[in-house]
């Protein structure tokens, strides 16, 4: 019986295949959140809408101890730094716009393109 070849890739192999990675953080102030449920509704909707509009990974980066604030982390990959830069800018603008429609406000945001490790 033939042995199966291991198809898992290392982090370095994945970065070589993808090219560049961009990461970002956004902090949202949710003034109307008076419970964990209120906070989760806004955070879930913001994450789902961004995920639907862009091909990105997004996750909540802080604990839910403070009901009226949330920090979201995003990651995107591309082989073009100019495309990646534009996409990070568009994601930030969309996050501001979507948060506003949900009754929240993005109070701080940061994005960076990680250097190529090859």
Foldseek 3Di string as FASTA:
>chain_A
DDDDDDPDDDPLVVCVVQAWKKKKKWKKFQPPFPDQVLQVVLVVVLLVVLVVVDVKDKDWDDDCPDRGMTMMMIMDTHNDPVVVVVVVVVSVVVSQVSQVVSRMGGPDMDMDMDDRPD
